[in-house]
C-alpha atoms as a PDB file:
ATOM      1  CA  MET A   1     117.211  85.380  95.602  1.00  0.00           C
ATOM      2  CA  ASN A   2     114.707  85.145  98.398  1.00  0.00           C
ATOM      3  CA  ARG A   3     116.072  86.889 101.691  1.00  0.00           C
ATOM      4  CA  GLY A   4     112.831  86.751 103.637  1.00  0.00           C
ATOM      5  CA  GLY A   5     112.470  83.141 103.674  1.00  0.00           C
ATOM      6  CA  GLY A   6     108.846  83.378 103.982  1.00  0.00           C
ATOM      7  CA  ARG A   7     109.105  85.362 107.150  1.00  0.00           C
ATOM      8  CA  SER A   8     106.716  88.396 107.785  1.00  0.00           C
ATOM      9  CA  HIS A   9     108.141  91.754 108.489  1.00  0.00           C
ATOM     10  CA  LYS A  10     106.797  94.183 111.157  1.00  0.00           C
ATOM     11  CA  ALA A  11     106.222  97.750 110.111  1.00  0.00           C
ATOM     12  CA  ILE A  12     108.410 100.108 111.578  1.00  0.00           C
ATOM     13  CA  VAL A  13     106.257 102.663 113.704  1.00  0.00           C
ATOM     14  CA  GLN A  14     107.747 106.156 114.481  1.00  0.00           C
ATOM     15  CA  PRO A  15     108.112 106.612 118.208  1.00  0.00           C
ATOM     16  CA  ILE A  16     106.352 110.120 118.065  1.00  0.00           C
ATOM     17  CA  VAL A  17     103.344 108.423 116.371  1.00  0.00           C
ATOM     18  CA  ARG A  18     102.830 105.774 119.271  1.00  0.00           C
ATOM     19  CA  PRO A  19     101.085 108.208 121.696  1.00  0.00           C
ATOM     20  CA  PHE A  20      98.569 109.161 118.887  1.00  0.00           C
ATOM     21  CA  SER A  21      98.024 105.672 117.413  1.00  0.00           C
ATOM     22  CA  LYS A  22      95.043 104.624 119.801  1.00  0.00           C
ATOM     23  CA  SER A  23      93.471 107.933 120.301  1.00  0.00           C
ATOM     24  CA  ARG A  24      91.564 109.996 117.873  1.00  0.00           C
ATOM     25  CA  VAL A  25      92.605 113.557 116.874  1.00  0.00           C
ATOM     26  CA  GLN A  26      90.793 116.419 115.230  1.00  0.00           C
ATOM     27  CA  VAL A  27      92.697 118.449 112.516  1.00  0.00           C
ATOM     28  CA  TRP A  28      91.716 122.016 111.872  1.00  0.00           C
ATOM     29  CA  LEU A  29      92.286 123.140 108.408  1.00  0.00           C
ATOM     30  CA  TYR A  30      93.775 126.441 107.053  1.00  0.00           C
ATOM     31  CA  GLU A  31      91.331 128.719 105.235  1.00  0.00           C
ATOM     32  CA  GLN A  32      88.264 126.184 106.066  1.00  0.00           C
ATOM     33  CA  CYS A  33      87.320 127.020 109.344  1.00  0.00           C
ATOM     34  CA  ASN A  34      83.920 125.166 109.293  1.00  0.00           C
ATOM     35  CA  LEU A  35      85.463 121.890 108.394  1.00  0.00           C
ATOM     36  CA  ARG A  36      87.352 119.554 110.703  1.00  0.00           C
ATOM     37  CA  ILE A  37      88.921 116.130 110.137  1.00  0.00           C
ATOM     38  CA  GLU A  38      88.973 113.554 112.654  1.00  0.00           C
ATOM     39  CA  GLY A  39      90.850 110.154 112.623  1.00  0.00           C
ATOM     40  CA  ARG A  40      93.736 108.386 114.088  1.00  0.00           C
ATOM     41  CA  ILE A  41      97.393 109.211 112.970  1.00  0.00           C
ATOM     42  CA  VAL A  42      99.312 106.393 111.521  1.00  0.00           C
ATOM     43  CA  GLY A  43     102.040 108.289 109.870  1.00  0.00           C
ATOM     44  CA  PHE A  44     103.713 111.705 109.294  1.00  0.00           C
ATOM     45  CA  ASP A  45     106.777 113.205 107.546  1.00  0.00           C
ATOM     46  CA  GLU A  46     109.156 116.146 108.148  1.00  0.00           C
ATOM     47  CA  TYR A  47     106.585 118.406 106.356  1.00  0.00           C
ATOM     48  CA  MET A  48     103.795 117.486 108.881  1.00  0.00           C
ATOM     49  CA  ASN A  49     101.930 115.750 106.089  1.00  0.00           C
ATOM     50  CA  LEU A  50      99.656 113.427 108.124  1.00  0.00           C
ATOM     51  CA  VAL A  51      98.228 110.056 107.234  1.00  0.00           C
ATOM     52  CA  LEU A  52      94.991 109.249 109.029  1.00  0.00           C
ATOM     53  CA  VAL A  53      92.645 106.120 109.267  1.00  0.00           C
ATOM     54  CA  GLU A  54      89.156 105.779 110.168  1.00  0.00           C
ATOM     55  CA  ALA A  55      88.960 109.513 109.128  1.00  0.00           C
ATOM     56  CA  CYS A  56      85.746 111.633 108.744  1.00  0.00           C
ATOM     57  CA  GLU A  57      84.785 115.108 107.698  1.00  0.00           C
ATOM     58  CA  ARG A  58      82.848 117.002 110.224  1.00  0.00           C
ATOM     59  CA  HIS A  59      81.075 120.206 109.374  1.00  0.00           C
ATOM     60  CA  MET A  60      80.829 122.453 112.424  1.00  0.00           C
ATOM     61  CA  LYS A  61      77.973 124.674 111.369  1.00  0.00           C
ATOM     62  CA  SER A  62      75.630 121.832 110.286  1.00  0.00           C
ATOM     63  CA  GLY A  63      77.004 119.211 112.416  1.00  0.00           C
ATOM     64  CA  ALA A  64      77.070 116.889 109.418  1.00  0.00           C
ATOM     65  CA  LYS A  65      79.671 113.964 109.443  1.00  0.00           C
ATOM     66  CA  ARG A  66      80.973 112.038 106.455  1.00  0.00           C
ATOM     67  CA  PHE A  67      83.205 109.013 106.609  1.00  0.00           C
ATOM     68  CA  ILE A  68      86.334 109.177 104.430  1.00  0.00           C
ATOM     69  CA  GLY A  69      88.374 106.102 105.524  1.00  0.00           C
ATOM     70  CA  ARG A  70      92.204 106.606 104.938  1.00  0.00           C
ATOM     71  CA  ILE A  71      93.493 110.255 104.073  1.00  0.00           C
ATOM     72  CA  LEU A  72      96.575 112.108 103.555  1.00  0.00           C
ATOM     73  CA  LEU A  73      96.553 115.594 104.763  1.00  0.00           C
ATOM     74  CA  LYS A  74      99.360 118.070 103.407  1.00  0.00           C
ATOM     75  CA  GLY A  75     101.074 119.854 106.103  1.00  0.00           C
ATOM     76  CA  GLU A  76     100.520 123.206 104.516  1.00  0.00           C
ATOM     77  CA  THR A  77      96.711 122.875 105.096  1.00  0.00           C
ATOM     78  CA  ILE A  78      97.020 121.944 108.709  1.00  0.00           C
ATOM     79  CA  THR A  79      96.318 124.607 111.434  1.00  0.00           C
ATOM     80  CA  VAL A  80      95.879 122.558 114.627  1.00  0.00           C
ATOM     81  CA  VAL A  81      95.984 119.057 115.649  1.00  0.00           C
ATOM     82  CA  GLN A  82      94.261 118.309 118.919  1.00  0.00           C
ATOM     83  CA  LYS A  83      93.343 115.007 120.805  1.00  0.00           C
ATOM     84  CA  ILE A  84      89.621 114.425 121.001  1.00  0.00           C
ATOM     85  CA  PRO A  85      88.550 113.786 124.679  1.00  0.00           C
ATOM     86  CA  GLN A  86      87.137 110.471 125.079  1.00  0.00           C
END
């Protein structure tokens, strides 16, 4: 039984994600002071697990940057989430 009839469905975007969907954020990690993850938030849940796209690792001491792509960060590893100034 085909209910869709060939129609495409739009993804439901959580309202709280919308302000962050276009801007890049920097995530500070617990017990890894010299490593930050940067990317755009596309999803999260009640445990503050975050899904980031266009993500990259930034090492604060060396300044090195490594592209990751899409990543899931567990909420228990997150210390700070801040918007990166343009």
